[in-house]
């Protein structure tokens, strides 16, 4: 894999976690995927198979926080 490769967990940890933390603190947040067709926006947001995207990882994290 290229040194520029980032798996879905790394993307979440780098971008999504901070957005989720801010939302958890009561701030309005938005994570927007923008780019050329075929660039991987849907893959980054939703993922594929076992490599879950930012949205499913965020949902898991939200319910883990609720469970405490």
C-alpha atoms as a PDB file:
ATOM      1  CA  UNK A   1       0.000   0.000   0.000  1.00  0.00           C
ATOM      2  CA  UNK A   2       1.085   3.516  -0.725  1.00  0.00           C
ATOM      3  CA  UNK A   3       2.379   5.670   2.109  1.00  0.00           C
ATOM      4  CA  UNK A   4      -0.526   8.000   1.259  1.00  0.00           C
ATOM      5  CA  UNK A   5      -3.113   5.256   1.929  1.00  0.00           C
ATOM      6  CA  UNK A   6      -5.502   5.892   4.801  1.00  0.00           C
ATOM      7  CA  UNK A   7      -7.956   3.200   5.840  1.00  0.00           C
ATOM      8  CA  UNK A   8     -11.423   4.135   7.001  1.00  0.00           C
ATOM      9  CA  UNK A   9     -10.519   4.096  10.699  1.00  0.00           C
ATOM     10  CA  UNK A  10      -7.656   6.537  10.070  1.00  0.00           C
ATOM     11  CA  UNK A  11     -10.004   8.844   8.151  1.00  0.00           C
ATOM     12  CA  UNK A  12     -12.499   8.725  11.029  1.00  0.00           C
ATOM     13  CA  UNK A  13      -9.810   9.255  13.658  1.00  0.00           C
ATOM     14  CA  UNK A  14      -8.357  12.195  11.701  1.00  0.00           C
ATOM     15  CA  UNK A  15     -11.575  13.960  10.649  1.00  0.00           C
ATOM     16  CA  UNK A  16     -14.736  12.292  11.912  1.00  0.00           C
ATOM     17  CA  UNK A  17     -13.864  11.953  15.585  1.00  0.00           C
ATOM     18  CA  UNK A  18     -13.393  15.690  16.042  1.00  0.00           C
ATOM     19  CA  UNK A  19     -16.703  16.390  14.301  1.00  0.00           C
ATOM     20  CA  UNK A  20     -18.430  13.818  16.527  1.00  0.00           C
ATOM     21  CA  UNK A  21     -16.776  15.241  19.659  1.00  0.00           C
ATOM     22  CA  UNK A  22     -18.020  18.730  18.780  1.00  0.00           C
ATOM     23  CA  UNK A  23     -21.539  17.441  18.121  1.00  0.00           C
ATOM     24  CA  UNK A  24     -21.434  15.622  21.461  1.00  0.00           C
ATOM     25  CA  UNK A  25     -20.604  18.958  23.114  1.00  0.00           C
ATOM     26  CA  UNK A  26     -23.756  20.461  21.602  1.00  0.00           C
ATOM     27  CA  UNK A  27     -22.352  22.223  18.549  1.00  0.00           C
ATOM     28  CA  UNK A  28     -23.999  21.952  15.132  1.00  0.00           C
ATOM     29  CA  UNK A  29     -21.671  19.990  12.885  1.00  0.00           C
ATOM     30  CA  UNK A  30     -21.477  18.825   9.306  1.00  0.00           C
ATOM     31  CA  UNK A  31     -19.086  16.562   7.470  1.00  0.00           C
ATOM     32  CA  UNK A  32     -19.327  17.261   3.749  1.00  0.00           C
ATOM     33  CA  UNK A  33     -17.850  15.041   1.034  1.00  0.00           C
ATOM     34  CA  UNK A  34     -16.971  17.002  -2.076  1.00  0.00           C
ATOM     35  CA  UNK A  35     -15.051  15.949  -5.132  1.00  0.00           C
ATOM     36  CA  UNK A  36     -14.923  14.616  -8.642  1.00  0.00           C
ATOM     37  CA  UNK A  37     -17.074  11.678  -9.702  1.00  0.00           C
ATOM     38  CA  UNK A  38     -15.295   8.457  -8.825  1.00  0.00           C
ATOM     39  CA  UNK A  39     -12.989  10.072  -6.265  1.00  0.00           C
ATOM     40  CA  UNK A  40     -14.287   7.919  -3.378  1.00  0.00           C
ATOM     41  CA  UNK A  41     -16.750  10.199  -1.555  1.00  0.00           C
ATOM     42  CA  UNK A  42     -19.354   7.476  -1.001  1.00  0.00           C
ATOM     43  CA  UNK A  43     -16.669   4.984  -0.032  1.00  0.00           C
ATOM     44  CA  UNK A  44     -15.254   7.393   2.558  1.00  0.00           C
ATOM     45  CA  UNK A  45     -18.683   8.157   3.987  1.00  0.00           C
ATOM     46  CA  UNK A  46     -20.270   4.670   3.894  1.00  0.00           C
ATOM     47  CA  UNK A  47     -17.415   2.247   3.299  1.00  0.00           C
ATOM     48  CA  UNK A  48     -17.702  -1.243   1.887  1.00  0.00           C
ATOM     49  CA  UNK A  49     -17.954  -4.600   3.622  1.00  0.00           C
ATOM     50  CA  UNK A  50     -15.780  -4.879   6.705  1.00  0.00           C
ATOM     51  CA  UNK A  51     -14.098  -1.534   5.948  1.00  0.00           C
ATOM     52  CA  UNK A  52     -16.841   0.694   7.391  1.00  0.00           C
ATOM     53  CA  UNK A  53     -16.947   4.388   6.482  1.00  0.00           C
ATOM     54  CA  UNK A  54     -17.233   7.499   8.608  1.00  0.00           C
ATOM     55  CA  UNK A  55     -21.040   7.286   8.971  1.00  0.00           C
ATOM     56  CA  UNK A  56     -21.263   3.693  10.319  1.00  0.00           C
ATOM     57  CA  UNK A  57     -18.217   4.216  12.542  1.00  0.00           C
ATOM     58  CA  UNK A  58     -19.816   7.410  13.904  1.00  0.00           C
ATOM     59  CA  UNK A  59     -23.096   5.602  14.607  1.00  0.00           C
ATOM     60  CA  UNK A  60     -21.204   2.890  16.487  1.00  0.00           C
ATOM     61  CA  UNK A  61     -19.308   5.530  18.498  1.00  0.00           C
ATOM     62  CA  UNK A  62     -22.534   7.388  19.354  1.00  0.00           C
ATOM     63  CA  UNK A  63     -24.177   4.253  20.727  1.00  0.00           C
ATOM     64  CA  UNK A  64     -21.015   3.314  22.628  1.00  0.00           C
ATOM     65  CA  UNK A  65     -21.066   6.764  24.286  1.00  0.00           C
ATOM     66  CA  UNK A  66     -24.736   6.370  25.153  1.00  0.00           C
ATOM     67  CA  UNK A  67     -24.055   2.968  26.740  1.00  0.00           C
ATOM     68  CA  UNK A  68     -21.334   4.692  28.778  1.00  0.00           C
END
